[in-house]
Each structure stands twice: as C-alpha cells, then as structure tokens.
C-alpha atoms as a PDB file:
ATOM      1  CA  UNK A   1      48.185  -9.929   3.235  1.00  0.00           C
ATOM      2  CA  UNK A   2      46.439  -7.218   1.229  1.00  0.00           C
ATOM      3  CA  UNK A   3      44.630  -4.349   2.891  1.00  0.00           C
ATOM      4  CA  UNK A   4      40.964  -4.611   2.041  1.00  0.00           C
ATOM      5  CA  UNK A   5      38.463  -1.848   2.569  1.00  0.00           C
ATOM      6  CA  UNK A   6      36.316  -2.670   5.580  1.00  0.00           C
ATOM      7  CA  UNK A   7      33.265  -0.999   4.104  1.00  0.00           C
ATOM      8  CA  UNK A   8      32.296   0.596   0.853  1.00  0.00           C
ATOM      9  CA  UNK A   9      30.138   3.699   0.622  1.00  0.00           C
ATOM     10  CA  UNK A  10      26.550   2.924  -0.348  1.00  0.00           C
ATOM     11  CA  UNK A  11      25.663   3.657  -3.974  1.00  0.00           C
ATOM     12  CA  UNK A  12      22.986   6.117  -2.875  1.00  0.00           C
ATOM     13  CA  UNK A  13      22.625   9.821  -3.539  1.00  0.00           C
ATOM     14  CA  UNK A  14      20.263  12.303  -1.893  1.00  0.00           C
ATOM     15  CA  UNK A  15      18.627  14.677  -4.316  1.00  0.00           C
ATOM     16  CA  UNK A  16      17.504  18.218  -3.559  1.00  0.00           C
ATOM     17  CA  UNK A  17      13.862  17.111  -3.478  1.00  0.00           C
ATOM     18  CA  UNK A  18      14.613  14.784  -0.552  1.00  0.00           C
ATOM     19  CA  UNK A  19      14.527  11.567  -2.549  1.00  0.00           C
ATOM     20  CA  UNK A  20      17.277   8.964  -2.480  1.00  0.00           C
ATOM     21  CA  UNK A  21      18.473   7.606  -5.825  1.00  0.00           C
ATOM     22  CA  UNK A  22      20.528   4.514  -6.638  1.00  0.00           C
ATOM     23  CA  UNK A  23      23.925   4.894  -8.278  1.00  0.00           C
ATOM     24  CA  UNK A  24      24.223   7.635 -10.848  1.00  0.00           C
ATOM     25  CA  UNK A  25      20.696   6.939 -12.104  1.00  0.00           C
ATOM     26  CA  UNK A  26      17.357   8.499 -11.293  1.00  0.00           C
ATOM     27  CA  UNK A  27      16.061   5.193  -9.901  1.00  0.00           C
ATOM     28  CA  UNK A  28      14.434   5.732  -6.514  1.00  0.00           C
ATOM     29  CA  UNK A  29      15.606   3.634  -3.592  1.00  0.00           C
ATOM     30  CA  UNK A  30      11.884   3.191  -2.908  1.00  0.00           C
ATOM     31  CA  UNK A  31      11.451   1.118  -6.071  1.00  0.00           C
ATOM     32  CA  UNK A  32      14.410  -1.144  -5.394  1.00  0.00           C
ATOM     33  CA  UNK A  33      13.265  -1.813  -1.825  1.00  0.00           C
ATOM     34  CA  UNK A  34       9.666  -2.385  -2.910  1.00  0.00           C
ATOM     35  CA  UNK A  35      10.659  -4.952  -5.526  1.00  0.00           C
ATOM     36  CA  UNK A  36      13.105  -6.620  -3.129  1.00  0.00           C
ATOM     37  CA  UNK A  37      10.386  -6.898  -0.466  1.00  0.00           C
ATOM     38  CA  UNK A  38       8.104  -8.454  -3.104  1.00  0.00           C
ATOM     39  CA  UNK A  39      10.704 -11.218  -3.578  1.00  0.00           C
ATOM     40  CA  UNK A  40      12.595  -9.970  -6.628  1.00  0.00           C
ATOM     41  CA  UNK A  41      16.282 -10.802  -6.879  1.00  0.00           C
ATOM     42  CA  UNK A  42      18.886  -8.158  -7.634  1.00  0.00           C
ATOM     43  CA  UNK A  43      19.128  -9.568 -11.154  1.00  0.00           C
ATOM     44  CA  UNK A  44      15.360  -9.257 -11.668  1.00  0.00           C
ATOM     45  CA  UNK A  45      15.424  -5.682 -10.391  1.00  0.00           C
ATOM     46  CA  UNK A  46      18.307  -4.880 -12.734  1.00  0.00           C
ATOM     47  CA  UNK A  47      16.328  -6.383 -15.611  1.00  0.00           C
ATOM     48  CA  UNK A  48      13.480  -3.968 -14.774  1.00  0.00           C
ATOM     49  CA  UNK A  49      15.874  -1.020 -14.538  1.00  0.00           C
ATOM     50  CA  UNK A  50      18.728  -1.690 -16.977  1.00  0.00           C
ATOM     51  CA  UNK A  51      20.198   1.810 -16.530  1.00  0.00           C
ATOM     52  CA  UNK A  52      21.386   0.777 -13.045  1.00  0.00           C
ATOM     53  CA  UNK A  53      24.304  -1.573 -12.578  1.00  0.00           C
ATOM     54  CA  UNK A  54      23.886  -4.841 -10.742  1.00  0.00           C
ATOM     55  CA  UNK A  55      26.632  -3.661  -8.391  1.00  0.00           C
ATOM     56  CA  UNK A  56      24.577  -0.603  -7.401  1.00  0.00           C
ATOM     57  CA  UNK A  57      21.416  -2.662  -6.899  1.00  0.00           C
ATOM     58  CA  UNK A  58      23.223  -5.117  -4.646  1.00  0.00           C
ATOM     59  CA  UNK A  59      24.671  -2.143  -2.768  1.00  0.00           C
ATOM     60  CA  UNK A  60      21.216  -0.612  -2.293  1.00  0.00           C
ATOM     61  CA  UNK A  61      19.805  -3.927  -1.044  1.00  0.00           C
ATOM     62  CA  UNK A  62      22.761  -4.360   1.311  1.00  0.00           C
ATOM     63  CA  UNK A  63      22.220  -0.842   2.636  1.00  0.00           C
ATOM     64  CA  UNK A  64      18.521  -1.581   3.181  1.00  0.00           C
ATOM     65  CA  UNK A  65      19.310  -4.797   5.061  1.00  0.00           C
ATOM     66  CA  UNK A  66      21.916  -3.063   7.237  1.00  0.00           C
ATOM     67  CA  UNK A  67      19.754   0.031   7.910  1.00  0.00           C
ATOM     68  CA  UNK A  68      16.233  -1.355   7.746  1.00  0.00           C
ATOM     69  CA  UNK A  69      14.742   0.901  10.416  1.00  0.00           C
ATOM     70  CA  UNK A  70      16.114   4.091   8.871  1.00  0.00           C
ATOM     71  CA  UNK A  71      15.069   3.104   5.351  1.00  0.00           C
ATOM     72  CA  UNK A  72      11.589   2.073   6.524  1.00  0.00           C
ATOM     73  CA  UNK A  73      11.237   5.462   8.268  1.00  0.00           C
ATOM     74  CA  UNK A  74      12.293   7.184   5.036  1.00  0.00           C
ATOM     75  CA  UNK A  75       9.770   5.110   3.050  1.00  0.00           C
ATOM     76  CA  UNK A  76       6.985   5.918   5.529  1.00  0.00           C
ATOM     77  CA  UNK A  77       7.825   9.611   5.256  1.00  0.00           C
ATOM     78  CA  UNK A  78       7.708   9.385   1.453  1.00  0.00           C
ATOM     79  CA  UNK A  79       4.349   7.613   1.599  1.00  0.00           C
ATOM     80  CA  UNK A  80       2.910  10.290   3.878  1.00  0.00           C
ATOM     81  CA  UNK A  81       4.188  13.035   1.578  1.00  0.00           C
ATOM     82  CA  UNK A  82       2.695  11.268  -1.458  1.00  0.00           C
ATOM     83  CA  UNK A  83      -0.682  10.918   0.281  1.00  0.00           C
ATOM     84  CA  UNK A  84      -0.641  14.606   1.200  1.00  0.00           C
ATOM     85  CA  UNK A  85       0.241  15.620  -2.362  1.00  0.00           C
ATOM     86  CA  UNK A  86      -2.578  13.466  -3.725  1.00  0.00           C
ATOM     87  CA  UNK A  87      -5.034  15.013  -1.242  1.00  0.00           C
ATOM     88  CA  UNK A  88      -3.971  18.537  -2.241  1.00  0.00           C
ATOM     89  CA  UNK A  89      -4.347  17.762  -5.940  1.00  0.00           C
ATOM     90  CA  UNK A  90      -7.761  16.176  -5.480  1.00  0.00           C
ATOM     91  CA  UNK A  91      -9.002  19.128  -3.429  1.00  0.00           C
ATOM     92  CA  UNK A  92      -7.655  21.641  -5.938  1.00  0.00           C
ATOM     93  CA  UNK A  93      -9.231  19.906  -8.915  1.00  0.00           C
ATOM     94  CA  UNK A  94     -12.603  19.274  -7.400  1.00  0.00           C
ATOM     95  CA  UNK A  95     -14.829  16.579  -8.808  1.00  0.00           C
ATOM     96  CA  UNK A  96     -14.200  15.696 -12.433  1.00  0.00           C
ATOM     97  CA  UNK A  97     -16.873  16.144 -15.070  1.00  0.00           C
ATOM     98  CA  UNK A  98     -17.211  12.362 -15.295  1.00  0.00           C
ATOM     99  CA  UNK A  99     -17.680  12.166 -11.546  1.00  0.00           C
ATOM    100  CA  UNK A 100     -20.358  14.899 -11.738  1.00  0.00           C
ATOM    101  CA  UNK A 101     -22.217  13.084 -14.528  1.00  0.00           C
ATOM    102  CA  UNK A 102     -22.144   9.809 -12.587  1.00  0.00           C
ATOM    103  CA  UNK A 103     -23.510  11.531  -9.484  1.00  0.00           C
ATOM    104  CA  UNK A 104     -26.276  13.198 -11.546  1.00  0.00           C
ATOM    105  CA  UNK A 105     -27.191   9.877 -13.156  1.00  0.00           C
ATOM    106  CA  UNK A 106     -27.228   8.142  -9.770  1.00  0.00           C
ATOM    107  CA  UNK A 107     -29.461  10.882  -8.323  1.00  0.00           C
ATOM    108  CA  UNK A 108     -31.752  10.658 -11.350  1.00  0.00           C
ATOM    109  CA  UNK A 109     -32.130   6.845 -11.144  1.00  0.00           C
ATOM    110  CA  UNK A 110     -32.807   6.928  -7.408  1.00  0.00           C
ATOM    111  CA  UNK A 111     -35.825   9.244  -7.884  1.00  0.00           C
END
C-alpha cells in the first residue's frame, strides 16, 4: 500500500502587511471566503479570479472549513482595520466640496 500524505499544507501565504493571500497570487483569502459564504462554488470563484488555480481555491475553502473560528477572527480583525482606515481618511479629508455645496443648498432652502 502506498504512503499517502496525511495532510497537505494550505495554499495560503501571509504577507508583510498582515493579509493572507491564496496560492502564489495576490488574491486575498477574504475574497474567496466572502464569495464562498455567498454560495459560490470553487469553480465560480476561479472564474472570477483566473490567476488562481482551482486547486488553490479548493485548498483555501478547505482551510476555512477546518479553521472557521480562526479565519472568522482574522476577517473580523481585517474589517475593524478597514473601518478604522476609512475613518482616518474621512477625518483627514474633511467634507468634500460637493458635500459643502449640498449643505449650503439645504440651509438655503430651509430658510
């Protein structure tokens, strides 16, 4: 009987910025999990991201299913970081000129 590997390493790589990518691509694990949770098959996900092999997408889905709590914690952390970045950008930019004009028009029409 042949010796078969009991497990294969997941096709995931951590990048310096803290993100997790699938295979040798730049595809975020976040996107694969999001599409999978929306009901997409591995083949549909691969169609959306043809630079990633079907093998790597199945591996990422398998990893998610085997480590759901850890991946969900990672996704929650990424969401929090994204919200914080958006808040910082909005505060740094201040209201846009369009936003200012709309507020002025609203104030003018209410008088």
